[in-house]
Amino acid sequence: MVLNKKLDLHGYTVHQAWTVYQRFINEVNAKSVVVITGQGQIEREFMQWNHPSSIRKITPLSHKGGFRILFYKNKKA
């Protein structure tokens, strides 16, 4: 299992970003990931994109425009 992975959603429309993010979350095998959203519409909608059954905690990054996601030990898709 990889400790950290990063996904940068800059340059995507909201719909494209959601599609890329869903694919990434379902395929990633890591303890945590960092998702860079920027400070626009994607950031405002991001929390609604997540499935609580597979995610332990979501923390906004200190500089805004991104989130760190921690998964449960046995991540479910």
Protein backbone atom coordinates (compact mmCIF):
# COMPACT_ATOMS: atom_id res chain seq x y z
CA MET A 1 0.00 0.00 0.00
CA VAL A 2 1.29 3.43 -0.96
CA LEU A 3 1.40 6.02 1.81
CA ASN A 4 0.41 9.09 -0.20
CA LYS A 5 -0.94 9.92 -3.64
CA LYS A 6 -1.87 13.28 -5.14
CA LEU A 7 -4.55 14.33 -7.62
CA ASP A 8 -4.61 17.82 -9.12
CA LEU A 9 -7.99 18.86 -10.55
CA HIS A 10 -6.88 22.24 -11.95
CA GLY A 11 -8.05 22.79 -15.51
CA TYR A 12 -11.10 20.51 -15.35
CA THR A 13 -14.73 21.54 -15.48
CA VAL A 14 -16.70 20.53 -12.37
CA HIS A 15 -18.21 17.51 -14.14
CA GLN A 16 -14.84 16.39 -15.56
CA ALA A 17 -13.20 16.83 -12.14
CA TRP A 18 -15.91 14.74 -10.46
CA THR A 19 -15.45 11.95 -13.02
CA VAL A 20 -11.64 11.97 -12.67
CA TYR A 21 -11.91 12.07 -8.85
CA GLN A 22 -14.38 9.15 -8.67
CA ARG A 23 -12.13 7.00 -10.87
CA PHE A 24 -9.06 7.98 -8.81
CA ILE A 25 -10.72 7.18 -5.45
CA ASN A 26 -11.99 3.81 -6.67
CA GLU A 27 -8.59 2.77 -8.05
CA VAL A 28 -6.14 4.25 -5.54
CA ASN A 29 -4.51 1.95 -3.00
CA ALA A 30 -3.13 4.34 -0.39
CA LYS A 31 -3.50 5.29 3.27
CA SER A 32 -4.17 8.88 2.28
CA VAL A 33 -4.43 11.12 -0.74
CA VAL A 34 -4.15 14.84 -1.36
CA VAL A 35 -6.64 16.33 -3.80
CA ILE A 36 -5.90 19.81 -5.15
CA THR A 37 -9.16 21.52 -6.12
CA GLY A 38 -8.21 25.16 -6.44
CA GLN A 39 -10.38 27.76 -4.72
CA GLY A 40 -13.38 27.78 -7.04
CA GLN A 41 -16.52 25.76 -7.69
CA ILE A 42 -14.77 22.37 -7.41
CA GLU A 43 -13.60 23.23 -3.88
CA ARG A 44 -17.13 24.31 -2.88
CA GLU A 45 -18.69 21.07 -4.17
CA PHE A 46 -15.92 18.66 -3.17
CA MET A 47 -17.27 17.51 0.21
CA GLN A 48 -20.48 16.29 -1.46
CA TRP A 49 -18.50 13.97 -3.77
CA ASN A 50 -17.32 11.63 -1.00
CA HIS A 51 -18.61 8.31 0.31
CA PRO A 52 -18.33 8.10 4.11
CA SER A 53 -18.14 4.28 4.08
CA SER A 54 -14.61 4.31 2.61
CA ILE A 55 -13.25 7.57 4.03
CA ARG A 56 -12.15 8.02 7.62
CA LYS A 57 -11.41 11.75 7.57
CA ILE A 58 -11.22 14.72 5.18
CA THR A 59 -9.13 17.70 6.23
CA PRO A 60 -8.79 20.95 4.26
CA LEU A 61 -5.18 21.85 3.50
CA SER A 62 -3.83 24.81 5.46
CA HIS A 63 -3.26 26.93 2.33
CA LYS A 64 -6.81 26.23 1.01
CA GLY A 65 -7.67 24.87 -2.40
CA GLY A 66 -7.18 21.23 -1.47
CA PHE A 67 -7.96 18.38 0.92
CA ARG A 68 -6.19 15.45 2.56
CA ILE A 69 -8.30 12.29 2.65
CA LEU A 70 -7.54 9.45 5.07
CA PHE A 71 -9.03 6.04 4.29
CA TYR A 72 -10.05 3.25 6.61
CA LYS A 73 -7.48 0.48 6.86
CA ASN A 74 -9.49 -1.81 4.56
CA LYS A 75 -10.76 0.74 2.04
CA LYS A 76 -14.03 -0.20 0.36
CA ALA A 77 -14.78 1.00 -3.16
